[in-house]
PDB file of all heavy atoms in Angstrom:
ATOM      1  N   SER A   1       0.829  -1.198   0.000  1.00  0.00           N
ATOM      2  CA  SER A   1       0.000   0.000   0.000  1.00  0.00           C
ATOM      3  C   SER A   1       0.867   1.253   0.000  1.00  0.00           C
ATOM      4  O   SER A   1       2.032   1.226   0.396  1.00  0.00           O
ATOM      5  CB  SER A   1      -0.923   0.008   1.216  1.00  0.00           C
ATOM      6  OG  SER A   1      -0.172   0.055   2.405  1.00  0.00           O
ATOM      7  N   PHE A   2       0.282   2.346  -0.460  1.00  0.00           N
ATOM      8  CA  PHE A   2       0.978   3.636  -0.484  1.00  0.00           C
ATOM      9  C   PHE A   2      -0.025   4.739  -0.182  1.00  0.00           C
ATOM     10  O   PHE A   2      -1.231   4.594  -0.393  1.00  0.00           O
ATOM     11  CB  PHE A   2       1.637   3.869  -1.856  1.00  0.00           C
ATOM     12  CG  PHE A   2       0.732   3.570  -3.031  1.00  0.00           C
ATOM     13  CD1 PHE A   2      -0.224   4.482  -3.444  1.00  0.00           C
ATOM     14  CD2 PHE A   2       0.848   2.372  -3.710  1.00  0.00           C
ATOM     15  CE1 PHE A   2      -1.057   4.215  -4.518  1.00  0.00           C
ATOM     16  CE2 PHE A   2       0.019   2.088  -4.799  1.00  0.00           C
ATOM     17  CZ  PHE A   2      -0.930   3.009  -5.192  1.00  0.00           C
ATOM     18  N   ARG A   3       0.466   5.835   0.342  1.00  0.00           N
ATOM     19  CA  ARG A   3      -0.403   6.947   0.701  1.00  0.00           C
ATOM     20  C   ARG A   3      -0.925   7.651  -0.558  1.00  0.00           C
ATOM     21  O   ARG A   3      -0.232   7.731  -1.558  1.00  0.00           O
ATOM     22  CB  ARG A   3       0.342   7.963   1.573  1.00  0.00           C
ATOM     23  CG  ARG A   3       0.708   7.417   2.952  1.00  0.00           C
ATOM     24  CD  ARG A   3       1.288   8.508   3.844  1.00  0.00           C
ATOM     25  NE  ARG A   3       1.677   7.976   5.133  1.00  0.00           N
ATOM     26  CZ  ARG A   3       0.849   7.787   6.153  1.00  0.00           C
ATOM     27  NH1 ARG A   3      -0.430   8.125   6.013  1.00  0.00           N
ATOM     28  NH2 ARG A   3       1.277   7.294   7.301  1.00  0.00           N
ATOM     29  N   ILE A   4      -2.143   8.153  -0.443  1.00  0.00           N
ATOM     30  CA  ILE A   4      -2.704   8.968  -1.516  1.00  0.00           C
ATOM     31  C   ILE A   4      -2.974  10.369  -0.980  1.00  0.00           C
ATOM     32  O   ILE A   4      -3.164  10.568   0.227  1.00  0.00           O
ATOM     33  CB  ILE A   4      -3.997   8.350  -2.102  1.00  0.00           C
ATOM     34  CG1 ILE A   4      -5.058   8.172  -1.016  1.00  0.00           C
ATOM     35  CG2 ILE A   4      -3.697   7.018  -2.764  1.00  0.00           C
ATOM     36  CD1 ILE A   4      -6.387   7.686  -1.552  1.00  0.00           C
ATOM     37  N   ASP A   5      -2.994  11.330  -1.890  1.00  0.00           N
ATOM     38  CA  ASP A   5      -3.087  12.728  -1.483  1.00  0.00           C
ATOM     39  C   ASP A   5      -4.402  13.061  -0.787  1.00  0.00           C
ATOM     40  O   ASP A   5      -4.457  13.950   0.055  1.00  0.00           O
ATOM     41  CB  ASP A   5      -2.932  13.641  -2.703  1.00  0.00           C
ATOM     42  CG  ASP A   5      -1.515  13.607  -3.261  1.00  0.00           C
ATOM     43  OD1 ASP A   5      -0.626  13.116  -2.540  1.00  0.00           O
ATOM     44  OD2 ASP A   5      -1.304  14.042  -4.409  1.00  0.00           O
ATOM     45  N   GLU A   6      -5.472  12.328  -1.137  1.00  0.00           N
ATOM     46  CA  GLU A   6      -6.776  12.618  -0.546  1.00  0.00           C
ATOM     47  C   GLU A   6      -6.917  12.024   0.852  1.00  0.00           C
ATOM     48  O   GLU A   6      -7.944  12.166   1.487  1.00  0.00           O
ATOM     49  CB  GLU A   6      -7.876  12.048  -1.447  1.00  0.00           C
ATOM     50  CG  GLU A   6      -8.006  12.757  -2.784  1.00  0.00           C
ATOM     51  CD  GLU A   6      -8.666  14.114  -2.630  1.00  0.00           C
ATOM     52  OE1 GLU A   6      -9.677  14.208  -1.921  1.00  0.00           O
ATOM     53  OE2 GLU A   6      -8.145  15.077  -3.212  1.00  0.00           O
ATOM     54  N   GLY A   7      -5.889  11.319   1.331  1.00  0.00           N
ATOM     55  CA  GLY A   7      -5.964  10.631   2.612  1.00  0.00           C
ATOM     56  C   GLY A   7      -6.263   9.162   2.414  1.00  0.00           C
ATOM     57  O   GLY A   7      -6.982   8.780   1.489  1.00  0.00           O
ATOM     58  N   GLY A   8      -5.700   8.335   3.262  1.00  0.00           N
ATOM     59  CA  GLY A   8      -5.888   6.903   3.102  1.00  0.00           C
ATOM     60  C   GLY A   8      -4.760   6.299   2.281  1.00  0.00           C
ATOM     61  O   GLY A   8      -3.686   6.891   2.123  1.00  0.00           O
ATOM     62  N   PHE A   9      -5.029   5.112   1.734  1.00  0.00           N
ATOM     63  CA  PHE A   9      -3.991   4.357   1.044  1.00  0.00           C
ATOM     64  C   PHE A   9      -4.517   3.786  -0.262  1.00  0.00           C
ATOM     65  O   PHE A   9      -5.713   3.500  -0.405  1.00  0.00           O
ATOM     66  CB  PHE A   9      -3.477   3.211   1.936  1.00  0.00           C
ATOM     67  CG  PHE A   9      -2.733   3.686   3.142  1.00  0.00           C
ATOM     68  CD1 PHE A   9      -3.419   4.091   4.282  1.00  0.00           C
ATOM     69  CD2 PHE A   9      -1.348   3.757   3.143  1.00  0.00           C
ATOM     70  CE1 PHE A   9      -2.738   4.549   5.401  1.00  0.00           C
ATOM     71  CE2 PHE A   9      -0.660   4.209   4.249  1.00  0.00           C
ATOM     72  CZ  PHE A   9      -1.354   4.610   5.381  1.00  0.00           C
ATOM     73  N   GLY A  10      -3.606   3.650  -1.215  1.00  0.00           N
ATOM     74  CA  GLY A  10      -3.909   2.991  -2.471  1.00  0.00           C
ATOM     75  C   GLY A  10      -3.089   1.724  -2.605  1.00  0.00           C
ATOM     76  O   GLY A  10      -2.071   1.543  -1.925  1.00  0.00           O
ATOM     77  N   GLN A  11      -3.517   0.850  -3.494  1.00  0.00           N
ATOM     78  CA  GLN A  11      -2.835  -0.429  -3.679  1.00  0.00           C
ATOM     79  C   GLN A  11      -3.238  -0.994  -5.035  1.00  0.00           C
ATOM     80  O   GLN A  11      -4.413  -1.028  -5.384  1.00  0.00           O
ATOM     81  CB  GLN A  11      -3.247  -1.386  -2.554  1.00  0.00           C
ATOM     82  CG  GLN A  11      -2.511  -2.698  -2.519  1.00  0.00           C
ATOM     83  CD  GLN A  11      -2.890  -3.504  -1.288  1.00  0.00           C
ATOM     84  OE1 GLN A  11      -3.961  -3.322  -0.702  1.00  0.00           O
ATOM     85  NE2 GLN A  11      -2.021  -4.413  -0.876  1.00  0.00           N
ATOM     86  N   TYR A  12      -2.243  -1.436  -5.823  1.00  0.00           N
ATOM     87  CA  TYR A  12      -2.554  -2.001  -7.130  1.00  0.00           C
ATOM     88  C   TYR A  12      -2.880  -3.477  -7.011  1.00  0.00           C
ATOM     89  O   TYR A  12      -2.336  -4.202  -6.170  1.00  0.00           O
ATOM     90  CB  TYR A  12      -1.399  -1.763  -8.105  1.00  0.00           C
ATOM     91  CG  TYR A  12      -1.329  -0.324  -8.554  1.00  0.00           C
ATOM     92  CD1 TYR A  12      -0.374   0.544  -8.031  1.00  0.00           C
ATOM     93  CD2 TYR A  12      -2.254   0.174  -9.473  1.00  0.00           C
ATOM     94  CE1 TYR A  12      -0.331   1.874  -8.419  1.00  0.00           C
ATOM     95  CE2 TYR A  12      -2.216   1.501  -9.863  1.00  0.00           C
ATOM     96  CZ  TYR A  12      -1.252   2.344  -9.338  1.00  0.00           C
ATOM     97  OH  TYR A  12      -1.222   3.656  -9.719  1.00  0.00           O
ATOM     98  N   ALA A  13      -3.780  -3.918  -7.883  1.00  0.00           N
ATOM     99  CA  ALA A  13      -4.271  -5.288  -7.830  1.00  0.00           C
ATOM    100  C   ALA A  13      -4.663  -5.736  -9.235  1.00  0.00           C
ATOM    101  O   ALA A  13      -4.625  -4.959 -10.195  1.00  0.00           O
ATOM    102  CB  ALA A  13      -5.464  -5.379  -6.879  1.00  0.00           C
ATOM    103  N   CYS A  14      -5.028  -7.010  -9.347  1.00  0.00           N
ATOM    104  CA  CYS A  14      -5.351  -7.614 -10.640  1.00  0.00           C
ATOM    105  C   CYS A  14      -6.705  -8.316 -10.546  1.00  0.00           C
ATOM    106  O   CYS A  14      -7.019  -8.957  -9.539  1.00  0.00           O
ATOM    107  CB  CYS A  14      -4.262  -8.619 -11.021  1.00  0.00           C
ATOM    108  SG  CYS A  14      -4.561  -9.518 -12.564  1.00  0.00           S
ATOM    109  N   ALA A  15      -7.506  -8.204 -11.608  1.00  0.00           N
ATOM    110  CA  ALA A  15      -8.805  -8.861 -11.669  1.00  0.00           C
ATOM    111  C   ALA A  15      -9.145  -9.144 -13.128  1.00  0.00           C
ATOM    112  O   ALA A  15      -8.447  -8.683 -14.042  1.00  0.00           O
ATOM    113  CB  ALA A  15      -9.884  -7.978 -11.030  1.00  0.00           C
ATOM    114  N   ALA A  16     -10.224  -9.882 -13.361  1.00  0.00           N
ATOM    115  CA  ALA A  16     -10.664 -10.149 -14.731  1.00  0.00           C
ATOM    116  C   ALA A  16     -10.984  -8.850 -15.451  1.00  0.00           C
ATOM    117  O   ALA A  16     -10.897  -8.767 -16.690  1.00  0.00           O
ATOM    118  CB  ALA A  16     -11.885 -11.067 -14.717  1.00  0.00           C
ATOM    119  N   GLN A  17     -11.343  -7.833 -14.690  1.00  0.00           N
ATOM    120  CA  GLN A  17     -11.666  -6.524 -15.272  1.00  0.00           C
ATOM    121  C   GLN A  17     -10.418  -5.740 -15.652  1.00  0.00           C
ATOM    122  O   GLN A  17     -10.515  -4.663 -16.238  1.00  0.00           O
ATOM    123  CB  GLN A  17     -12.512  -5.712 -14.288  1.00  0.00           C
ATOM    124  CG  GLN A  17     -13.919  -6.270 -14.068  1.00  0.00           C
ATOM    125  CD  GLN A  17     -13.954  -7.462 -13.122  1.00  0.00           C
ATOM    126  OE1 GLN A  17     -12.924  -7.866 -12.579  1.00  0.00           O
ATOM    127  NE2 GLN A  17     -15.127  -8.038 -12.916  1.00  0.00           N
ATOM    128  N   GLY A  18      -9.230  -6.241 -15.315  1.00  0.00           N
ATOM    129  CA  GLY A  18      -7.979  -5.569 -15.663  1.00  0.00           C
ATOM    130  C   GLY A  18      -7.227  -5.110 -14.426  1.00  0.00           C
ATOM    131  O   GLY A  18      -7.403  -5.633 -13.322  1.00  0.00           O
ATOM    132  N   LEU A  19      -6.376  -4.105 -14.612  1.00  0.00           N
ATOM    133  CA  LEU A  19      -5.618  -3.535 -13.501  1.00  0.00           C
ATOM    134  C   LEU A  19      -6.561  -2.764 -12.589  1.00  0.00           C
ATOM    135  O   LEU A  19      -7.398  -1.983 -13.053  1.00  0.00           O
ATOM    136  CB  LEU A  19      -4.530  -2.608 -14.037  1.00  0.00           C
ATOM    137  CG  LEU A  19      -3.579  -1.983 -13.014  1.00  0.00           C
ATOM    138  CD1 LEU A  19      -2.727  -3.063 -12.339  1.00  0.00           C
ATOM    139  CD2 LEU A  19      -2.676  -0.947 -13.671  1.00  0.00           C
ATOM    140  N   ILE A  20      -6.423  -2.987 -11.277  1.00  0.00           N
ATOM    141  CA  ILE A  20      -7.312  -2.372 -10.288  1.00  0.00           C
ATOM    142  C   ILE A  20      -6.490  -1.488  -9.355  1.00  0.00           C
ATOM    143  O   ILE A  20      -5.388  -1.851  -8.950  1.00  0.00           O
ATOM    144  CB  ILE A  20      -8.045  -3.451  -9.454  1.00  0.00           C
ATOM    145  CG1 ILE A  20      -8.855  -4.386 -10.350  1.00  0.00           C
ATOM    146  CG2 ILE A  20      -8.936  -2.811  -8.390  1.00  0.00           C
ATOM    147  CD1 ILE A  20     -10.007  -3.728 -11.082  1.00  0.00           C
ATOM    148  N   LEU A  21      -7.042  -0.331  -9.024  1.00  0.00           N
ATOM    149  CA  LEU A  21      -6.477   0.517  -7.984  1.00  0.00           C
ATOM    150  C   LEU A  21      -7.428   0.476  -6.800  1.00  0.00           C
ATOM    151  O   LEU A  21      -8.527   1.034  -6.841  1.00  0.00           O
ATOM    152  CB  LEU A  21      -6.296   1.953  -8.478  1.00  0.00           C
ATOM    153  CG  LEU A  21      -5.806   2.972  -7.440  1.00  0.00           C
ATOM    154  CD1 LEU A  21      -4.480   2.543  -6.831  1.00  0.00           C
ATOM    155  CD2 LEU A  21      -5.690   4.360  -8.058  1.00  0.00           C
ATOM    156  N   LEU A  22      -7.047  -0.243  -5.750  1.00  0.00           N
ATOM    157  CA  LEU A  22      -7.858  -0.316  -4.532  1.00  0.00           C
ATOM    158  C   LEU A  22      -7.597   0.901  -3.673  1.00  0.00           C
ATOM    159  O   LEU A  22      -6.442   1.283  -3.453  1.00  0.00           O
ATOM    160  CB  LEU A  22      -7.507  -1.574  -3.737  1.00  0.00           C
ATOM    161  CG  LEU A  22      -7.910  -2.927  -4.326  1.00  0.00           C
ATOM    162  CD1 LEU A  22      -7.326  -4.043  -3.474  1.00  0.00           C
ATOM    163  CD2 LEU A  22      -9.417  -3.053  -4.409  1.00  0.00           C
ATOM    164  N   LEU A  23      -8.648   1.495  -3.140  1.00  0.00           N
ATOM    165  CA  LEU A  23      -8.523   2.644  -2.258  1.00  0.00           C
ATOM    166  C   LEU A  23      -9.043   2.279  -0.877  1.00  0.00           C
ATOM    167  O   LEU A  23     -10.166   1.765  -0.748  1.00  0.00           O
ATOM    168  CB  LEU A  23      -9.305   3.841  -2.802  1.00  0.00           C
ATOM    169  CG  LEU A  23      -8.854   4.391  -4.156  1.00  0.00           C
ATOM    170  CD1 LEU A  23      -9.711   5.581  -4.548  1.00  0.00           C
ATOM    171  CD2 LEU A  23      -7.391   4.776  -4.120  1.00  0.00           C
ATOM    172  N   ALA A  24      -8.221   2.489   0.131  1.00  0.00           N
ATOM    173  CA  ALA A  24      -8.616   2.261   1.518  1.00  0.00           C
ATOM    174  C   ALA A  24      -8.663   3.626   2.198  1.00  0.00           C
ATOM    175  O   ALA A  24      -7.628   4.194   2.523  1.00  0.00           O
ATOM    176  CB  ALA A  24      -7.626   1.332   2.217  1.00  0.00           C
ATOM    177  N   LYS A  25      -9.867   4.133   2.387  1.00  0.00           N
ATOM    178  CA  LYS A  25     -10.035   5.466   2.955  1.00  0.00           C
ATOM    179  C   LYS A  25     -10.870   5.381   4.219  1.00  0.00           C
ATOM    180  O   LYS A  25     -11.614   4.424   4.427  1.00  0.00           O
ATOM    181  CB  LYS A  25     -10.697   6.382   1.926  1.00  0.00           C
ATOM    182  CG  LYS A  25      -9.906   6.503   0.630  1.00  0.00           C
ATOM    183  CD  LYS A  25     -10.693   7.231  -0.450  1.00  0.00           C
ATOM    184  CE  LYS A  25     -10.945   8.673  -0.084  1.00  0.00           C
ATOM    185  NZ  LYS A  25     -11.670   9.398  -1.142  1.00  0.00           N
ATOM    186  N   GLY A  26     -10.743   6.396   5.047  1.00  0.00           N
ATOM    187  CA  GLY A  26     -11.505   6.398   6.288  1.00  0.00           C
ATOM    188  C   GLY A  26     -11.079   5.251   7.174  1.00  0.00           C
ATOM    189  O   GLY A  26      -9.913   5.071   7.492  1.00  0.00           O
ATOM    190  N   GLY A  27     -12.030   4.409   7.555  1.00  0.00           N
ATOM    191  CA  GLY A  27     -11.726   3.272   8.415  1.00  0.00           C
ATOM    192  C   GLY A  27     -11.377   2.014   7.666  1.00  0.00           C
ATOM    193  O   GLY A  27     -11.213   0.958   8.272  1.00  0.00           O
TER     194      GLY A  27
END
């Protein structure tokens, strides 16, 4: 995971839909 400017964390992932950017914000 890595910090994002809006607060919280981002994380790259893979799915059938393609490249995914997961966002973990708030709790």
